[in-house]
Amino acid sequence: MTAMTATYELFYWPGIPGRGEFPRLVLEAAGADYVDVARRPESEGGGIPALVALLEDTGQTPGFAVPMLRHGELVISQSANLCRYLGERHGLAPEDEAGRLHAMQLQLTVNDLADEAHDTHHPIASALYYEEQQDAARDRAAHFREARMPKYLGYFERVLEQNGGAHLVGDAVSYVDLSVFQVMRGLAYAFPERFATVSRETPGLLELADRVEALPKIAAYLASERRLDFNEMGVFRRYPELDGA
């Protein structure tokens, strides 16, 4: 098989949506043929050993961390990079160069938001348990709730309005719309009280998230076993004390 016809292989930790969910949503919206490698049994070449083997590969394009995507002989990493690659191949990105650059700019901002949400529960080190940095997490989460969450969502609301209100970039659904949907649902899970207040100022984003959720392929995916629930092992984690409760 060539790189143009091969099945996509997505590599990410099993059991959590995490950063792997961003390219996974693009694959699902595209109706692409893909394999979630680490969710397959080890006896079939899956599981954690498959991730470790890929990360230890010293080929021409070694990745630092998952998510990673293998497509034929091509291996790429970084969730924003994966979203762009898949989006541009499957009609989920603008066709003009300026539009594609703007889409990537927005996607990188989505990633920044996801990183800051993650750091509310792990502000010191990812290698430490949440309970080992809980005091610092309370301080970090308070700043995120009061300052950063409104700033990010307000920015995306303005971008949406300036683009006509239907999509964040271009005139059709893009990988950026899919990623903002994931972030909106993640924030609602992790910070239900604060998100309910902040999102009153971003009605366009709420409607966008609902429209993405209703897309036939996305709706089918969300109702399937392939969709993993948010949980306290991923990027968005629900700790009531971090929501100001």
Protein backbone atom coordinates (compact mmCIF):
# COMPACT_ATOMS: atom_id res chain seq x y z
CA MET A 1 0.00 0.00 0.00
CA THR A 2 1.10 3.55 -0.62
CA ALA A 3 0.83 6.47 1.80
CA MET A 4 -2.19 7.68 -0.17
CA THR A 5 -4.22 4.47 0.32
CA ALA A 6 -3.02 2.96 3.59
CA THR A 7 -5.25 2.69 6.63
CA TYR A 8 -4.46 5.35 9.21
CA GLU A 9 -2.95 4.07 12.46
CA LEU A 10 -3.55 6.32 15.46
CA PHE A 11 -1.32 5.82 18.48
CA TYR A 12 -2.52 7.11 21.85
CA TRP A 13 -2.93 5.87 25.41
CA PRO A 14 -5.92 3.54 25.79
CA GLY A 15 -8.55 4.42 28.36
CA ILE A 16 -8.46 8.22 28.06
CA PRO A 17 -9.64 10.64 25.35
CA GLY A 18 -6.87 13.16 26.12
CA ARG A 19 -4.99 14.82 23.28
CA GLY A 20 -5.62 11.84 21.05
CA GLU A 21 -9.28 12.83 20.83
CA PHE A 22 -8.54 15.85 18.62
CA PRO A 23 -7.23 13.87 15.61
CA ARG A 24 -9.67 11.06 16.40
CA LEU A 25 -12.60 13.43 15.88
CA VAL A 26 -11.19 14.41 12.49
CA LEU A 27 -10.84 10.77 11.48
CA GLU A 28 -14.43 10.11 12.54
CA ALA A 29 -15.86 13.22 10.84
CA ALA A 30 -14.05 12.22 7.65
CA GLY A 31 -15.33 8.65 7.79
CA ALA A 32 -11.72 7.58 7.41
CA ASP A 33 -10.49 4.01 7.70
CA TYR A 34 -8.33 3.95 10.83
CA VAL A 35 -7.09 1.72 13.62
CA ASP A 36 -6.74 2.87 17.23
CA VAL A 37 -3.63 0.79 17.72
CA ALA A 38 -3.22 0.75 21.51
CA ARG A 39 -6.84 -0.33 22.00
CA ARG A 40 -6.15 -3.54 20.15
CA PRO A 41 -4.94 -6.63 22.09
CA GLU A 42 -1.20 -7.03 22.48
CA SER A 43 -1.55 -10.37 20.70
CA GLU A 44 -2.65 -8.40 17.63
CA GLY A 45 0.21 -5.90 17.81
CA GLY A 46 -1.62 -3.39 20.00
CA GLY A 47 -1.56 -2.26 23.61
CA ILE A 48 1.04 -0.13 25.37
CA PRO A 49 3.97 -2.08 23.82
CA ALA A 50 2.92 -0.75 20.41
CA LEU A 51 3.16 2.82 21.68
CA VAL A 52 6.53 2.21 23.31
CA ALA A 53 7.91 0.61 20.16
CA LEU A 54 6.88 3.57 18.04
CA LEU A 55 8.29 6.11 20.50
CA GLU A 56 11.59 4.22 20.60
CA ASP A 57 11.80 4.16 16.80
CA THR A 58 14.81 6.19 15.70
CA GLY A 59 13.63 6.72 12.15
CA GLN A 60 13.81 9.97 10.22
CA THR A 61 10.84 11.54 12.04
CA PRO A 62 10.99 10.35 15.68
CA GLY A 63 8.15 11.62 17.84
CA PHE A 64 8.51 12.98 21.35
CA ALA A 65 5.13 11.78 22.61
CA VAL A 66 1.79 10.42 21.46
CA PRO A 67 -0.59 11.08 19.82
CA MET A 68 1.16 9.93 16.70
CA LEU A 69 -0.19 8.92 13.32
CA ARG A 70 1.23 6.39 10.90
CA HIS A 71 -0.03 6.53 7.34
CA GLY A 72 1.84 4.24 5.04
CA GLU A 73 5.50 5.15 5.45
CA LEU A 74 4.68 8.55 6.97
CA VAL A 75 4.85 8.96 10.76
CA ILE A 76 3.92 12.29 12.36
CA SER A 77 3.23 13.54 15.87
CA GLN A 78 1.71 16.50 17.75
CA SER A 79 -2.09 16.65 17.85
CA ALA A 80 -2.34 19.95 15.96
CA ASN A 81 -0.09 18.58 13.23
CA LEU A 82 -2.22 15.45 12.96
CA CYS A 83 -5.42 17.50 12.76
CA ARG A 84 -4.03 19.65 9.99
CA TYR A 85 -2.75 16.69 7.98
CA LEU A 86 -6.05 14.84 8.23
CA GLY A 87 -8.19 17.92 7.78
CA GLU A 88 -6.44 19.01 4.60
CA ARG A 89 -6.67 15.49 3.14
CA HIS A 90 -10.36 15.04 3.86
CA GLY A 91 -12.00 18.39 3.12
CA LEU A 92 -12.04 19.53 6.74
CA ALA A 93 -9.77 22.55 6.21
CA PRO A 94 -9.81 25.68 4.04
CA GLU A 95 -8.42 25.26 0.56
CA ASP A 96 -6.50 28.56 0.35
CA GLU A 97 -3.14 29.09 2.00
CA ALA A 98 -4.27 32.00 4.19
CA GLY A 99 -7.21 29.97 5.43
CA ARG A 100 -5.03 26.97 6.20
CA LEU A 101 -2.57 29.08 8.13
CA HIS A 102 -5.40 30.66 10.09
CA ALA A 103 -6.84 27.23 10.86
CA MET A 104 -3.50 26.06 12.21
CA GLN A 105 -3.18 29.25 14.24
CA LEU A 106 -6.56 28.55 15.83
CA GLN A 107 -5.71 24.89 16.42
CA LEU A 108 -2.51 25.80 18.22
CA THR A 109 -4.54 28.14 20.42
CA VAL A 110 -6.92 25.26 21.17
CA ASN A 111 -3.89 23.24 22.22
CA ASP A 112 -2.74 26.08 24.48
CA LEU A 113 -6.15 26.09 26.15
CA ALA A 114 -6.07 22.32 26.63
CA ASP A 115 -2.58 22.57 28.14
CA GLU A 116 -3.71 25.23 30.61
CA ALA A 117 -6.75 23.17 31.57
CA HIS A 118 -4.46 20.20 32.20
CA ASP A 119 -2.13 22.28 34.34
CA THR A 120 -4.94 23.20 36.73
CA HIS A 121 -4.69 19.71 38.22
CA HIS A 122 -0.99 19.16 37.53
CA PRO A 123 0.62 22.60 37.98
CA ILE A 124 3.98 21.34 39.24
CA ALA A 125 4.73 18.12 37.37
CA SER A 126 2.84 15.53 35.35
CA ALA A 127 4.86 12.82 37.08
CA LEU A 128 3.38 13.71 40.49
CA TYR A 129 -0.04 12.61 41.65
CA TYR A 130 -2.73 15.26 41.90
CA GLU A 131 -2.81 14.78 45.69
CA GLU A 132 0.88 15.70 45.86
CA GLN A 133 0.26 19.15 44.35
CA GLN A 134 -3.29 19.88 45.43
CA ASP A 135 -2.56 23.23 47.10
CA ALA A 136 -0.80 24.53 44.01
CA ALA A 137 -3.63 23.14 41.88
CA ARG A 138 -6.20 25.17 43.80
CA ASP A 139 -4.26 28.37 43.10
CA ARG A 140 -3.69 27.52 39.45
CA ALA A 141 -7.32 26.54 38.93
CA ALA A 142 -8.61 29.76 40.50
CA HIS A 143 -6.60 31.82 38.01
CA PHE A 144 -7.72 29.62 35.13
CA ARG A 145 -11.38 29.90 36.11
CA GLU A 146 -11.38 33.65 36.62
CA ALA A 147 -8.98 34.88 33.96
CA ARG A 148 -7.86 32.34 31.39
CA MET A 149 -11.06 30.45 30.61
CA PRO A 150 -13.03 33.66 29.87
CA LYS A 151 -10.14 35.02 27.80
CA TYR A 152 -9.85 31.94 25.61
CA LEU A 153 -13.59 31.45 25.11
CA GLY A 154 -14.08 35.14 24.48
CA TYR A 155 -11.40 35.03 21.80
CA PHE A 156 -12.98 32.09 20.00
CA GLU A 157 -16.41 33.74 20.24
CA ARG A 158 -15.03 36.85 18.51
CA VAL A 159 -13.36 34.75 15.81
CA LEU A 160 -16.62 32.91 15.23
CA GLU A 161 -18.61 36.16 14.95
CA GLN A 162 -16.09 37.71 12.57
CA ASN A 163 -16.32 34.63 10.33
CA GLY A 164 -20.10 34.84 10.06
CA GLY A 165 -21.14 32.76 13.07
CA ALA A 166 -21.38 29.32 11.46
CA HIS A 167 -17.75 28.16 11.49
CA LEU A 168 -14.50 29.32 13.05
CA VAL A 169 -12.63 29.38 9.76
CA GLY A 170 -13.75 29.07 6.16
CA ASP A 171 -17.31 28.37 5.07
CA ALA A 172 -17.61 24.71 6.07
CA VAL A 173 -16.88 22.44 9.03
CA SER A 174 -13.16 22.22 9.74
CA TYR A 175 -10.92 20.39 12.15
CA VAL A 176 -10.88 23.55 14.27
CA ASP A 177 -14.65 23.36 14.80
CA LEU A 178 -14.25 19.74 15.89
CA SER A 179 -11.49 20.61 18.34
CA VAL A 180 -13.38 23.53 19.87
CA PHE A 181 -16.35 21.19 20.35
CA GLN A 182 -14.08 18.84 22.32
CA VAL A 183 -12.73 21.69 24.45
CA MET A 184 -16.21 23.00 25.20
CA ARG A 185 -17.37 19.58 26.33
CA GLY A 186 -14.17 19.08 28.32
CA LEU A 187 -14.52 22.37 30.18
CA ALA A 188 -18.17 21.62 30.92
CA TYR A 189 -17.07 18.31 32.43
CA ALA A 190 -14.14 19.62 34.47
CA PHE A 191 -15.57 22.97 35.57
CA PRO A 192 -19.36 22.65 35.35
CA GLU A 193 -20.14 25.58 37.66
CA ARG A 194 -17.69 28.07 36.22
CA PHE A 195 -18.28 26.98 32.63
CA ALA A 196 -22.02 27.50 33.02
CA THR A 197 -21.34 31.11 33.98
CA VAL A 198 -18.61 31.91 31.45
CA SER A 199 -20.39 30.27 28.52
CA ARG A 200 -23.37 32.62 28.92
CA GLU A 201 -21.12 35.18 27.26
CA THR A 202 -20.30 32.85 24.37
CA PRO A 203 -23.65 31.71 22.93
CA GLY A 204 -22.12 31.28 19.48
CA LEU A 205 -19.65 28.70 20.76
CA LEU A 206 -22.40 26.80 22.56
CA GLU A 207 -24.39 26.63 19.34
CA LEU A 208 -21.31 25.61 17.37
CA ALA A 209 -20.63 22.75 19.77
CA ASP A 210 -24.22 21.57 19.44
CA ARG A 211 -24.01 21.69 15.64
CA VAL A 212 -20.81 19.65 15.64
CA GLU A 213 -22.38 17.12 18.00
CA ALA A 214 -25.32 16.74 15.61
CA LEU A 215 -23.19 16.03 12.52
CA PRO A 216 -24.24 12.52 11.40
CA LYS A 217 -20.80 10.94 11.56
CA ILE A 218 -19.95 12.64 14.86
CA ALA A 219 -23.32 11.71 16.38
CA ALA A 220 -22.75 8.09 15.39
CA TYR A 221 -19.25 8.17 16.87
CA LEU A 222 -20.42 9.71 20.15
CA ALA A 223 -23.02 6.96 20.51
CA SER A 224 -20.47 4.22 19.85
CA GLU A 225 -18.04 2.37 22.09
CA ARG A 226 -15.18 4.12 20.32
CA ARG A 227 -15.94 7.35 22.20
CA LEU A 228 -14.34 7.36 25.64
CA ASP A 229 -15.93 9.30 28.48
CA PHE A 230 -14.00 12.09 30.15
CA ASN A 231 -12.32 10.75 33.27
CA GLU A 232 -9.78 11.63 35.94
CA MET A 233 -6.85 10.32 33.89
CA GLY A 234 -7.12 12.71 30.95
CA VAL A 235 -6.63 16.38 30.16
CA PHE A 236 -10.01 17.50 31.53
CA ARG A 237 -10.58 16.18 35.06
CA ARG A 238 -13.42 16.91 37.44
CA TYR A 239 -12.28 17.84 40.92
CA PRO A 240 -15.04 19.86 42.63
CA GLU A 241 -12.53 21.80 44.73
CA LEU A 242 -10.91 23.13 41.54
CA ASP A 243 -14.25 24.42 40.33
CA GLY A 244 -14.54 26.65 43.38
CA ALA A 245 -17.01 24.28 45.03
